[in-house]
Amino acid sequence: MSGKTKTGLFFGSFNPIHNGHLMIAGYMVEFTDIAQAWFVVSPHNPLKEKSTLLADHHRLAMANIAVEDDPRFRASNIEFHLPQPSYTIDTLTRLSEKYPEKEFVLIAGSDNLPSFHKWKNYEALLDQYHLYIYPRPDTPPSPFDNHPHVHFTQAPLVEISSSFIRRSISEGKNMSHFLPDKVWKYIQEMHFYK
């Protein structure tokens, strides 16, 4: 696979994207062999309760403005155009077909590994792709920890969560230091999470 640009896919609802996400992606492109990180915004799952999930286009807009000044990063809406619910293996297959010049890898938190066997076609996913794992607090060991395609990184432990930010905004807290400036401004202008 030499000659291909190694591109890490960071999946999430990004509701909203915050500095913790950008710190993890920044670590991956600076301290591993990943050249680019794409934030793959997950669409609302029609089978799940919507609750506080903002509309897809707003979450994508925030991801786009968060990364627009950094050529190492990109926001992707690929899953908006795939059947729902979307599965990681299907998204990877579609992206690999669309961008044959790139080698896609997964960026995931260690908290995903204990339940990884529940993912659709997880064996094929592990066989065909590499996972770059960042630490999450209190993650138990998993059977996948020693798999040759699972790479643990020393990324700093980031405990900022989107739910903490949403809850704090609803309580009237100033969360400007937890979010990229333009994302904070967008949230304020749109009166999100109030």
N, C-alpha and C. Protein backbone atom coordinates (compact mmCIF):
# COMPACT_ATOMS: atom_id res chain seq x y z
N MET A 1 0.83 -1.20 0.00
CA MET A 1 0.00 0.00 0.00
C MET A 1 0.87 1.26 0.00
N SER A 2 2.13 1.11 -0.32
CA SER A 2 3.01 2.28 -0.31
C SER A 2 2.58 3.25 -1.39
N GLY A 3 2.85 4.52 -1.15
CA GLY A 3 2.47 5.55 -2.11
C GLY A 3 1.09 6.13 -1.86
N LYS A 4 0.29 5.46 -1.04
CA LYS A 4 -1.04 5.98 -0.73
C LYS A 4 -0.96 6.89 0.49
N THR A 5 -1.79 7.92 0.49
CA THR A 5 -1.86 8.83 1.64
C THR A 5 -2.65 8.16 2.75
N LYS A 6 -2.02 7.96 3.90
CA LYS A 6 -2.72 7.33 5.02
C LYS A 6 -3.64 8.35 5.66
N THR A 7 -4.92 8.03 5.66
CA THR A 7 -5.95 8.96 6.10
C THR A 7 -6.76 8.33 7.22
N GLY A 8 -6.76 8.98 8.38
CA GLY A 8 -7.50 8.47 9.53
C GLY A 8 -8.93 8.97 9.51
N LEU A 9 -9.86 8.06 9.74
CA LEU A 9 -11.28 8.40 9.79
C LEU A 9 -11.74 8.42 11.24
N PHE A 10 -12.21 9.58 11.65
CA PHE A 10 -12.67 9.80 13.02
C PHE A 10 -14.18 9.94 12.94
N PHE A 11 -14.92 8.90 13.32
CA PHE A 11 -16.37 8.90 13.22
C PHE A 11 -16.99 9.49 14.47
N GLY A 12 -18.10 10.18 14.31
CA GLY A 12 -18.81 10.69 15.48
C GLY A 12 -20.01 11.51 15.09
N SER A 13 -20.86 11.80 16.09
CA SER A 13 -21.99 12.69 15.82
C SER A 13 -21.53 14.15 15.85
N PHE A 14 -20.40 14.42 16.54
CA PHE A 14 -19.84 15.77 16.61
C PHE A 14 -20.94 16.79 16.92
N ASN A 15 -21.54 16.59 18.09
CA ASN A 15 -22.71 17.35 18.50
C ASN A 15 -22.46 18.09 19.82
N PRO A 16 -21.56 19.11 19.83
CA PRO A 16 -20.81 19.67 18.70
C PRO A 16 -19.37 19.13 18.66
N ILE A 17 -18.69 19.40 17.52
CA ILE A 17 -17.25 19.16 17.46
C ILE A 17 -16.59 20.09 18.48
N HIS A 18 -15.57 19.61 19.19
CA HIS A 18 -14.93 20.45 20.21
C HIS A 18 -13.41 20.28 20.17
N ASN A 19 -12.74 21.04 21.01
CA ASN A 19 -11.28 21.04 20.99
C ASN A 19 -10.69 19.68 21.31
N GLY A 20 -11.39 18.87 22.09
CA GLY A 20 -10.90 17.53 22.39
C GLY A 20 -10.78 16.68 21.13
N HIS A 21 -11.79 16.76 20.26
CA HIS A 21 -11.74 16.04 18.98
C HIS A 21 -10.53 16.50 18.16
N LEU A 22 -10.34 17.81 18.11
CA LEU A 22 -9.25 18.36 17.30
C LEU A 22 -7.89 18.00 17.89
N MET A 23 -7.81 17.93 19.21
CA MET A 23 -6.55 17.55 19.86
C MET A 23 -6.19 16.10 19.52
N ILE A 24 -7.18 15.21 19.55
CA ILE A 24 -6.92 13.80 19.22
C ILE A 24 -6.50 13.68 17.76
N ALA A 25 -7.22 14.34 16.86
CA ALA A 25 -6.87 14.29 15.44
C ALA A 25 -5.48 14.90 15.21
N GLY A 26 -5.20 16.00 15.90
CA GLY A 26 -3.89 16.64 15.79
C GLY A 26 -2.77 15.72 16.26
N TYR A 27 -3.03 15.00 17.35
CA TYR A 27 -2.04 14.04 17.83
C TYR A 27 -1.79 12.97 16.76
N MET A 28 -2.85 12.45 16.17
CA MET A 28 -2.72 11.37 15.20
C MET A 28 -1.87 11.78 13.99
N VAL A 29 -2.06 13.00 13.49
CA VAL A 29 -1.30 13.40 12.30
C VAL A 29 0.13 13.83 12.65
N GLU A 30 0.37 14.20 13.89
CA GLU A 30 1.72 14.63 14.27
C GLU A 30 2.57 13.49 14.84
N PHE A 31 1.96 12.52 15.49
CA PHE A 31 2.73 11.51 16.23
C PHE A 31 2.59 10.10 15.66
N THR A 32 1.80 9.92 14.60
CA THR A 32 1.71 8.61 13.94
C THR A 32 2.00 8.82 12.46
N ASP A 33 1.84 7.76 11.68
CA ASP A 33 2.10 7.89 10.24
C ASP A 33 0.85 8.29 9.45
N ILE A 34 -0.20 8.74 10.15
CA ILE A 34 -1.39 9.26 9.48
C ILE A 34 -1.08 10.67 8.97
N ALA A 35 -1.39 10.91 7.69
CA ALA A 35 -1.10 12.21 7.09
C ALA A 35 -2.28 13.18 7.19
N GLN A 36 -3.49 12.63 7.17
CA GLN A 36 -4.70 13.46 7.23
C GLN A 36 -5.70 12.81 8.16
N ALA A 37 -6.56 13.63 8.76
CA ALA A 37 -7.66 13.11 9.57
C ALA A 37 -8.97 13.68 9.05
N TRP A 38 -9.90 12.78 8.77
CA TRP A 38 -11.23 13.19 8.31
C TRP A 38 -12.23 12.95 9.42
N PHE A 39 -13.04 13.97 9.70
CA PHE A 39 -14.11 13.86 10.68
C PHE A 39 -15.37 13.42 9.94
N VAL A 40 -15.77 12.16 10.13
CA VAL A 40 -16.92 11.61 9.43
C VAL A 40 -18.15 11.83 10.32
N VAL A 41 -18.97 12.80 9.91
CA VAL A 41 -20.14 13.16 10.70
C VAL A 41 -21.24 12.13 10.48
N SER A 42 -21.66 11.48 11.57
CA SER A 42 -22.69 10.45 11.47
C SER A 42 -24.06 11.10 11.39
N PRO A 43 -24.89 10.65 10.45
CA PRO A 43 -26.25 11.21 10.38
C PRO A 43 -27.09 10.71 11.54
N HIS A 44 -28.18 11.40 11.76
CA HIS A 44 -29.11 10.95 12.79
C HIS A 44 -29.61 9.55 12.44
N ASN A 45 -29.50 8.65 13.38
CA ASN A 45 -30.00 7.29 13.17
C ASN A 45 -31.52 7.31 13.35
N PRO A 46 -32.26 7.00 12.29
CA PRO A 46 -33.73 7.10 12.38
C PRO A 46 -34.32 6.13 13.41
N LEU A 47 -33.55 5.13 13.81
CA LEU A 47 -34.05 4.15 14.78
C LEU A 47 -33.85 4.62 16.22
N LYS A 48 -33.13 5.72 16.39
CA LYS A 48 -32.85 6.20 17.74
C LYS A 48 -33.63 7.47 18.04
N GLU A 49 -33.85 7.68 19.32
CA GLU A 49 -34.51 8.90 19.78
C GLU A 49 -33.60 10.09 19.46
N LYS A 50 -34.19 11.14 18.91
CA LYS A 50 -33.37 12.27 18.45
C LYS A 50 -32.79 13.06 19.62
N SER A 51 -33.53 13.26 20.67
CA SER A 51 -33.11 14.00 21.86
C SER A 51 -32.42 15.32 21.48
N THR A 52 -31.16 15.51 21.90
CA THR A 52 -30.51 16.81 21.71
C THR A 52 -29.62 16.83 20.46
N LEU A 53 -29.79 15.86 19.57
CA LEU A 53 -28.95 15.81 18.37
C LEU A 53 -29.38 16.89 17.38
N LEU A 54 -28.45 17.79 17.06
CA LEU A 54 -28.75 18.83 16.08
C LEU A 54 -28.92 18.21 14.70
N ALA A 55 -29.58 18.94 13.81
CA ALA A 55 -29.76 18.50 12.43
C ALA A 55 -28.40 18.21 11.80
N ASP A 56 -28.39 17.22 10.90
CA ASP A 56 -27.14 16.79 10.25
C ASP A 56 -26.37 17.96 9.67
N HIS A 57 -27.07 18.85 8.94
CA HIS A 57 -26.36 19.92 8.23
C HIS A 57 -25.70 20.91 9.20
N HIS A 58 -26.28 21.08 10.38
CA HIS A 58 -25.65 21.98 11.36
C HIS A 58 -24.39 21.36 11.95
N ARG A 59 -24.44 20.06 12.24
CA ARG A 59 -23.25 19.40 12.79
C ARG A 59 -22.13 19.34 11.75
N LEU A 60 -22.50 19.14 10.49
CA LEU A 60 -21.51 19.15 9.41
C LEU A 60 -20.94 20.56 9.25
N ALA A 61 -21.79 21.58 9.32
CA ALA A 61 -21.33 22.96 9.18
C ALA A 61 -20.32 23.30 10.27
N MET A 62 -20.59 22.88 11.50
CA MET A 62 -19.66 23.16 12.60
C MET A 62 -18.34 22.42 12.39
N ALA A 63 -18.42 21.16 11.92
CA ALA A 63 -17.19 20.41 11.65
C ALA A 63 -16.38 21.09 10.55
N ASN A 64 -17.08 21.56 9.51
CA ASN A 64 -16.39 22.24 8.41
C ASN A 64 -15.68 23.50 8.88
N ILE A 65 -16.37 24.33 9.67
CA ILE A 65 -15.72 25.58 10.10
C ILE A 65 -14.61 25.30 11.12
N ALA A 66 -14.71 24.18 11.83
CA ALA A 66 -13.66 23.84 12.80
C ALA A 66 -12.36 23.46 12.09
N VAL A 67 -12.45 22.89 10.89
CA VAL A 67 -11.26 22.36 10.21
C VAL A 67 -10.83 23.16 8.99
N GLU A 68 -11.61 24.18 8.62
CA GLU A 68 -11.38 24.83 7.32
C GLU A 68 -10.00 25.47 7.17
N ASP A 69 -9.36 25.83 8.27
CA ASP A 69 -8.05 26.49 8.16
C ASP A 69 -6.88 25.52 8.34
N ASP A 70 -7.17 24.22 8.44
CA ASP A 70 -6.10 23.24 8.65
C ASP A 70 -6.12 22.21 7.53
N PRO A 71 -5.14 22.25 6.62
CA PRO A 71 -5.15 21.33 5.47
C PRO A 71 -5.00 19.86 5.85
N ARG A 72 -4.61 19.58 7.09
CA ARG A 72 -4.48 18.18 7.53
C ARG A 72 -5.83 17.56 7.84
N PHE A 73 -6.85 18.41 8.01
CA PHE A 73 -8.16 17.95 8.45
C PHE A 73 -9.22 18.17 7.37
N ARG A 74 -10.27 17.36 7.45
CA ARG A 74 -11.39 17.51 6.54
C ARG A 74 -12.64 16.98 7.22
N ALA A 75 -13.79 17.59 6.96
CA ALA A 75 -15.07 17.05 7.44
C ALA A 75 -15.72 16.32 6.29
N SER A 76 -16.34 15.18 6.58
CA SER A 76 -16.96 14.36 5.53
C SER A 76 -18.42 14.07 5.85
N ASN A 77 -19.25 14.18 4.82
CA ASN A 77 -20.68 13.85 4.97
C ASN A 77 -21.01 12.56 4.23
N ILE A 78 -20.02 11.70 3.98
CA ILE A 78 -20.20 10.48 3.20
C ILE A 78 -21.37 9.64 3.73
N GLU A 79 -21.54 9.59 5.05
CA GLU A 79 -22.59 8.73 5.60
C GLU A 79 -23.99 9.31 5.41
N PHE A 80 -24.08 10.60 5.04
CA PHE A 80 -25.39 11.18 4.76
C PHE A 80 -26.00 10.54 3.51
N HIS A 81 -25.14 9.96 2.67
CA HIS A 81 -25.59 9.44 1.37
C HIS A 81 -25.61 7.91 1.33
N LEU A 82 -25.46 7.28 2.48
CA LEU A 82 -25.47 5.82 2.55
C LEU A 82 -26.77 5.37 3.23
N PRO A 83 -27.17 4.11 3.01
CA PRO A 83 -28.38 3.61 3.67
C PRO A 83 -28.25 3.71 5.19
N GLN A 84 -29.41 3.92 5.83
CA GLN A 84 -29.44 4.04 7.30
C GLN A 84 -29.93 2.74 7.92
N PRO A 85 -29.45 2.35 9.09
CA PRO A 85 -28.30 2.96 9.75
C PRO A 85 -27.02 2.62 9.00
N SER A 86 -26.04 3.51 9.08
CA SER A 86 -24.79 3.28 8.36
C SER A 86 -23.84 2.45 9.22
N TYR A 87 -23.10 1.59 8.56
CA TYR A 87 -22.14 0.73 9.24
C TYR A 87 -20.74 1.09 8.78
N THR A 88 -19.79 1.06 9.72
CA THR A 88 -18.42 1.47 9.44
C THR A 88 -17.83 0.72 8.25
N ILE A 89 -18.04 -0.58 8.18
CA ILE A 89 -17.47 -1.37 7.09
C ILE A 89 -17.98 -0.90 5.73
N ASP A 90 -19.27 -0.53 5.66
CA ASP A 90 -19.84 -0.04 4.40
C ASP A 90 -19.27 1.33 4.03
N THR A 91 -19.10 2.18 5.02
CA THR A 91 -18.53 3.51 4.79
C THR A 91 -17.09 3.38 4.29
N LEU A 92 -16.32 2.51 4.92
CA LEU A 92 -14.93 2.29 4.51
C LEU A 92 -14.85 1.75 3.08
N THR A 93 -15.73 0.82 2.76
CA THR A 93 -15.76 0.25 1.41
C THR A 93 -16.05 1.35 0.39
N ARG A 94 -17.05 2.19 0.68
CA ARG A 94 -17.43 3.27 -0.24
C ARG A 94 -16.29 4.28 -0.40
N LEU A 95 -15.67 4.67 0.71
CA LEU A 95 -14.57 5.64 0.64
C LEU A 95 -13.37 5.07 -0.11
N SER A 96 -13.07 3.80 0.12
CA SER A 96 -11.93 3.17 -0.55
C SER A 96 -12.15 3.10 -2.06
N GLU A 97 -13.41 2.91 -2.47
CA GLU A 97 -13.74 2.91 -3.91
C GLU A 97 -13.62 4.32 -4.48
N LYS A 98 -14.08 5.29 -3.70
CA LYS A 98 -14.13 6.69 -4.18
C LYS A 98 -12.74 7.34 -4.21
N TYR A 99 -11.88 6.94 -3.27
CA TYR A 99 -10.54 7.55 -3.16
C TYR A 99 -9.47 6.46 -3.17
N PRO A 100 -9.23 5.83 -4.33
CA PRO A 100 -8.28 4.72 -4.37
C PRO A 100 -6.85 5.14 -4.04
N GLU A 101 -6.57 6.44 -4.08
CA GLU A 101 -5.21 6.91 -3.78
C GLU A 101 -4.95 7.02 -2.27
N LYS A 102 -5.97 6.74 -1.46
CA LYS A 102 -5.82 6.86 -0.01
C LYS A 102 -5.91 5.50 0.66
N GLU A 103 -5.13 5.34 1.73
CA GLU A 103 -5.25 4.18 2.59
C GLU A 103 -5.97 4.63 3.85
N PHE A 104 -7.19 4.16 4.02
CA PHE A 104 -7.99 4.59 5.16
C PHE A 104 -7.74 3.71 6.38
N VAL A 105 -7.63 4.36 7.53
CA VAL A 105 -7.52 3.68 8.82
C VAL A 105 -8.57 4.29 9.75
N LEU A 106 -8.91 3.57 10.80
CA LEU A 106 -9.89 4.06 11.76
C LEU A 106 -9.21 4.69 12.95
N ILE A 107 -9.69 5.84 13.37
CA ILE A 107 -9.28 6.45 14.64
C ILE A 107 -10.43 6.20 15.60
N ALA A 108 -10.14 5.50 16.70
CA ALA A 108 -11.22 5.14 17.63
C ALA A 108 -10.71 5.17 19.06
N GLY A 109 -11.64 5.42 19.98
CA GLY A 109 -11.31 5.39 21.40
C GLY A 109 -11.21 3.96 21.89
N SER A 110 -10.39 3.74 22.90
CA SER A 110 -10.21 2.40 23.45
C SER A 110 -11.53 1.83 23.98
N ASP A 111 -12.49 2.70 24.31
CA ASP A 111 -13.79 2.24 24.81
C ASP A 111 -14.60 1.50 23.74
N ASN A 112 -14.19 1.60 22.47
CA ASN A 112 -14.87 0.86 21.40
C ASN A 112 -14.47 -0.62 21.36
N LEU A 113 -13.29 -0.93 21.87
CA LEU A 113 -12.76 -2.29 21.69
C LEU A 113 -13.53 -3.39 22.43
N PRO A 114 -13.95 -3.18 23.68
CA PRO A 114 -14.65 -4.27 24.36
C PRO A 114 -15.92 -4.74 23.63
N SER A 115 -16.58 -3.85 22.87
CA SER A 115 -17.79 -4.25 22.15
C SER A 115 -17.56 -4.35 20.63
N PHE A 116 -16.29 -4.36 20.23
CA PHE A 116 -15.97 -4.35 18.79
C PHE A 116 -16.53 -5.58 18.07
N HIS A 117 -16.64 -6.70 18.78
CA HIS A 117 -17.17 -7.93 18.16
C HIS A 117 -18.64 -7.79 17.75
N LYS A 118 -19.31 -6.72 18.20
CA LYS A 118 -20.71 -6.50 17.83
C LYS A 118 -20.84 -5.67 16.55
N TRP A 119 -19.72 -5.12 16.06
CA TRP A 119 -19.76 -4.32 14.84
C TRP A 119 -20.04 -5.22 13.65
N LYS A 120 -20.75 -4.69 12.65
CA LYS A 120 -21.03 -5.46 11.45
C LYS A 120 -19.71 -5.86 10.75
N ASN A 121 -19.58 -7.14 10.43
CA ASN A 121 -18.40 -7.67 9.71
C ASN A 121 -17.09 -7.26 10.38
N TYR A 122 -17.05 -7.33 11.71
CA TYR A 122 -15.86 -6.85 12.42
C TYR A 122 -14.59 -7.60 12.02
N GLU A 123 -14.73 -8.90 11.67
CA GLU A 123 -13.53 -9.66 11.28
C GLU A 123 -12.94 -9.09 9.99
N ALA A 124 -13.80 -8.82 9.01
CA ALA A 124 -13.34 -8.24 7.74
C ALA A 124 -12.76 -6.85 7.97
N LEU A 125 -13.39 -6.10 8.84
CA LEU A 125 -12.91 -4.75 9.15
C LEU A 125 -11.49 -4.82 9.70
N LEU A 126 -11.27 -5.72 10.65
CA LEU A 126 -9.95 -5.87 11.25
C LEU A 126 -8.93 -6.43 10.27
N ASP A 127 -9.40 -7.28 9.39
CA ASP A 127 -8.50 -7.91 8.42
C ASP A 127 -8.04 -6.91 7.36
N GLN A 128 -8.95 -6.03 6.93
CA GLN A 128 -8.67 -5.14 5.80
C GLN A 128 -8.18 -3.75 6.21
N TYR A 129 -8.42 -3.36 7.45
CA TYR A 129 -8.09 -1.99 7.88
C TYR A 129 -7.34 -2.02 9.21
N HIS A 130 -6.65 -0.92 9.48
CA HIS A 130 -5.94 -0.75 10.75
C HIS A 130 -6.74 0.19 11.65
N LEU A 131 -6.66 -0.05 12.95
CA LEU A 131 -7.31 0.81 13.94
C LEU A 131 -6.23 1.52 14.75
N TYR A 132 -6.33 2.83 14.84
CA TYR A 132 -5.44 3.64 15.66
C TYR A 132 -6.26 4.07 16.88
N ILE A 133 -5.83 3.57 18.04
CA ILE A 133 -6.63 3.70 19.25
C ILE A 133 -6.08 4.79 20.17
N TYR A 134 -6.97 5.69 20.60
CA TYR A 134 -6.57 6.67 21.60
C TYR A 134 -7.20 6.27 22.94
N PRO A 135 -6.51 6.55 24.06
CA PRO A 135 -7.01 6.10 25.36
C PRO A 135 -8.26 6.82 25.81
N ARG A 136 -9.15 6.06 26.41
CA ARG A 136 -10.33 6.61 27.07
C ARG A 136 -10.30 6.12 28.51
N PRO A 137 -10.84 6.90 29.44
CA PRO A 137 -10.74 6.50 30.85
C PRO A 137 -11.45 5.19 31.16
N ASP A 138 -10.85 4.41 32.04
CA ASP A 138 -11.48 3.21 32.61
C ASP A 138 -11.93 2.19 31.57
N THR A 139 -11.14 1.98 30.54
CA THR A 139 -11.50 0.98 29.55
C THR A 139 -10.94 -0.38 29.96
N PRO A 140 -11.82 -1.39 30.05
CA PRO A 140 -11.31 -2.73 30.40
C PRO A 140 -10.54 -3.34 29.24
N PRO A 141 -9.70 -4.34 29.50
CA PRO A 141 -8.99 -5.02 28.40
C PRO A 141 -9.99 -5.67 27.45
N SER A 142 -9.57 -5.86 26.21
CA SER A 142 -10.45 -6.52 25.23
C SER A 142 -9.66 -7.60 24.50
N PRO A 143 -10.36 -8.53 23.85
CA PRO A 143 -9.68 -9.59 23.09
C PRO A 143 -8.91 -9.04 21.87
N PHE A 144 -9.17 -7.78 21.52
CA PHE A 144 -8.56 -7.21 20.32
C PHE A 144 -7.28 -6.41 20.62
N ASP A 145 -6.94 -6.29 21.90
CA ASP A 145 -5.82 -5.44 22.29
C ASP A 145 -4.50 -5.84 21.63
N ASN A 146 -4.32 -7.13 21.36
CA ASN A 146 -3.06 -7.60 20.79
C ASN A 146 -3.15 -7.94 19.31
N HIS A 147 -4.25 -7.55 18.67
CA HIS A 147 -4.39 -7.82 17.23
C HIS A 147 -3.34 -6.99 16.47
N PRO A 148 -2.71 -7.59 15.44
CA PRO A 148 -1.66 -6.85 14.71
C PRO A 148 -2.15 -5.60 13.99
N HIS A 149 -3.46 -5.46 13.76
CA HIS A 149 -3.98 -4.26 13.10
C HIS A 149 -4.53 -3.23 14.08
N VAL A 150 -4.37 -3.50 15.38
CA VAL A 150 -4.81 -2.56 16.41
C VAL A 150 -3.58 -1.88 16.98
N HIS A 151 -3.50 -0.57 16.82
CA HIS A 151 -2.33 0.21 17.23
C HIS A 151 -2.72 1.19 18.33
N PHE A 152 -2.21 0.96 19.52
CA PHE A 152 -2.48 1.88 20.63
C PHE A 152 -1.54 3.08 20.53
N THR A 153 -2.08 4.26 20.75
CA THR A 153 -1.26 5.48 20.71
C THR A 153 -1.16 6.05 22.13
N GLN A 154 -0.23 6.96 22.28
CA GLN A 154 -0.03 7.63 23.56
C GLN A 154 -0.71 8.99 23.58
N ALA A 155 -1.79 9.12 22.81
CA ALA A 155 -2.51 10.40 22.78
C ALA A 155 -2.91 10.80 24.19
N PRO A 156 -2.86 12.10 24.51
CA PRO A 156 -3.27 12.54 25.84
C PRO A 156 -4.73 12.14 26.11
N LEU A 157 -5.01 11.82 27.34
CA LEU A 157 -6.36 11.47 27.74
C LEU A 157 -7.20 12.74 27.74
N VAL A 158 -8.23 12.77 26.89
CA VAL A 158 -9.09 13.95 26.78
C VAL A 158 -10.45 13.57 27.35
N GLU A 159 -10.84 14.27 28.39
CA GLU A 159 -12.10 13.91 29.04
C GLU A 159 -13.22 14.92 28.77
N ILE A 160 -13.01 15.79 27.78
CA ILE A 160 -14.09 16.70 27.38
C ILE A 160 -15.07 15.89 26.56
N SER A 161 -16.35 16.05 26.81
CA SER A 161 -17.36 15.35 26.00
C SER A 161 -18.36 16.36 25.45
N SER A 162 -18.95 16.00 24.32
CA SER A 162 -19.97 16.86 23.72
C SER A 162 -21.17 17.00 24.66
N SER A 163 -21.50 15.93 25.39
CA SER A 163 -22.66 16.01 26.30
C SER A 163 -22.38 17.00 27.44
N PHE A 164 -21.15 17.02 27.94
CA PHE A 164 -20.76 17.98 28.98
C PHE A 164 -20.91 19.41 28.43
N ILE A 165 -20.47 19.63 27.19
CA ILE A 165 -20.56 20.97 26.59
C ILE A 165 -22.02 21.37 26.39
N ARG A 166 -22.83 20.46 25.85
CA ARG A 166 -24.26 20.77 25.65
C ARG A 166 -24.94 21.11 26.97
N ARG A 167 -24.70 20.29 27.98
CA ARG A 167 -25.33 20.50 29.29
C ARG A 167 -24.88 21.85 29.87
N SER A 168 -23.59 22.15 29.75
CA SER A 168 -23.07 23.40 30.31
C SER A 168 -23.65 24.61 29.60
N ILE A 169 -23.78 24.53 28.27
CA ILE A 169 -24.38 25.65 27.52
C ILE A 169 -25.83 25.85 27.96
N SER A 170 -26.55 24.73 28.16
CA SER A 170 -27.96 24.84 28.58
C SER A 170 -28.07 25.48 29.96
N GLU A 171 -27.00 25.37 30.76
CA GLU A 171 -26.97 25.98 32.09
C GLU A 171 -26.42 27.42 32.05
N GLY A 172 -26.17 27.93 30.84
CA GLY A 172 -25.72 29.31 30.71
C GLY A 172 -24.23 29.52 30.90
N LYS A 173 -23.44 28.44 30.87
CA LYS A 173 -21.99 28.55 31.06
C LYS A 173 -21.32 29.02 29.76
N ASN A 174 -20.21 29.75 29.94
CA ASN A 174 -19.41 30.17 28.79
C ASN A 174 -18.43 29.03 28.47
N MET A 175 -18.64 28.38 27.34
CA MET A 175 -17.82 27.23 26.95
C MET A 175 -16.86 27.58 25.81
N SER A 176 -16.54 28.86 25.68
CA SER A 176 -15.73 29.31 24.55
C SER A 176 -14.35 28.67 24.51
N HIS A 177 -13.78 28.30 25.65
CA HIS A 177 -12.43 27.72 25.65
C HIS A 177 -12.43 26.23 25.35
N PHE A 178 -13.60 25.63 25.22
CA PHE A 178 -13.71 24.21 24.93
C PHE A 178 -13.96 23.94 23.45
N LEU A 179 -14.22 25.02 22.71
CA LEU A 179 -14.63 24.89 21.30
C LEU A 179 -13.78 25.80 20.42
N PRO A 180 -13.59 25.43 19.15
CA PRO A 180 -12.96 26.38 18.23
C PRO A 180 -13.78 27.68 18.21
N ASP A 181 -13.11 28.81 18.08
CA ASP A 181 -13.79 30.11 18.15
C ASP A 181 -14.99 30.19 17.22
N LYS A 182 -14.81 29.75 15.98
CA LYS A 182 -15.90 29.88 15.00
C LYS A 182 -17.08 28.97 15.34
N VAL A 183 -16.78 27.82 15.96
CA VAL A 183 -17.86 26.90 16.36
C VAL A 183 -18.66 27.52 17.51
N TRP A 184 -17.95 28.09 18.48
CA TRP A 184 -18.62 28.76 19.60
C TRP A 184 -19.52 29.88 19.09
N LYS A 185 -18.99 30.67 18.15
CA LYS A 185 -19.76 31.78 17.58
C LYS A 185 -21.01 31.26 16.88
N TYR A 186 -20.87 30.19 16.11
CA TYR A 186 -22.00 29.58 15.38
C TYR A 186 -23.07 29.12 16.38
N ILE A 187 -22.64 28.45 17.45
CA ILE A 187 -23.58 27.96 18.46
C ILE A 187 -24.32 29.13 19.11
N GLN A 188 -23.58 30.21 19.41
CA GLN A 188 -24.20 31.39 20.02
C GLN A 188 -25.21 32.04 19.08
N GLU A 189 -24.81 32.19 17.82
CA GLU A 189 -25.69 32.86 16.86
C GLU A 189 -26.96 32.06 16.60
N MET A 190 -26.83 30.72 16.62
CA MET A 190 -27.98 29.86 16.33
C MET A 190 -28.77 29.49 17.59
N HIS A 191 -28.27 29.92 18.76
CA HIS A 191 -28.93 29.62 20.05
C HIS A 191 -29.09 28.11 20.26
N PHE A 192 -28.06 27.34 19.87
CA PHE A 192 -28.11 25.89 20.04
C PHE A 192 -27.88 25.51 21.50
N TYR A 193 -28.47 24.39 21.88
CA TYR A 193 -28.28 23.73 23.19
C TYR A 193 -28.79 24.56 24.36
N LYS A 194 -29.57 25.58 24.09
CA LYS A 194 -30.08 26.44 25.19
C LYS A 194 -31.17 25.70 25.96
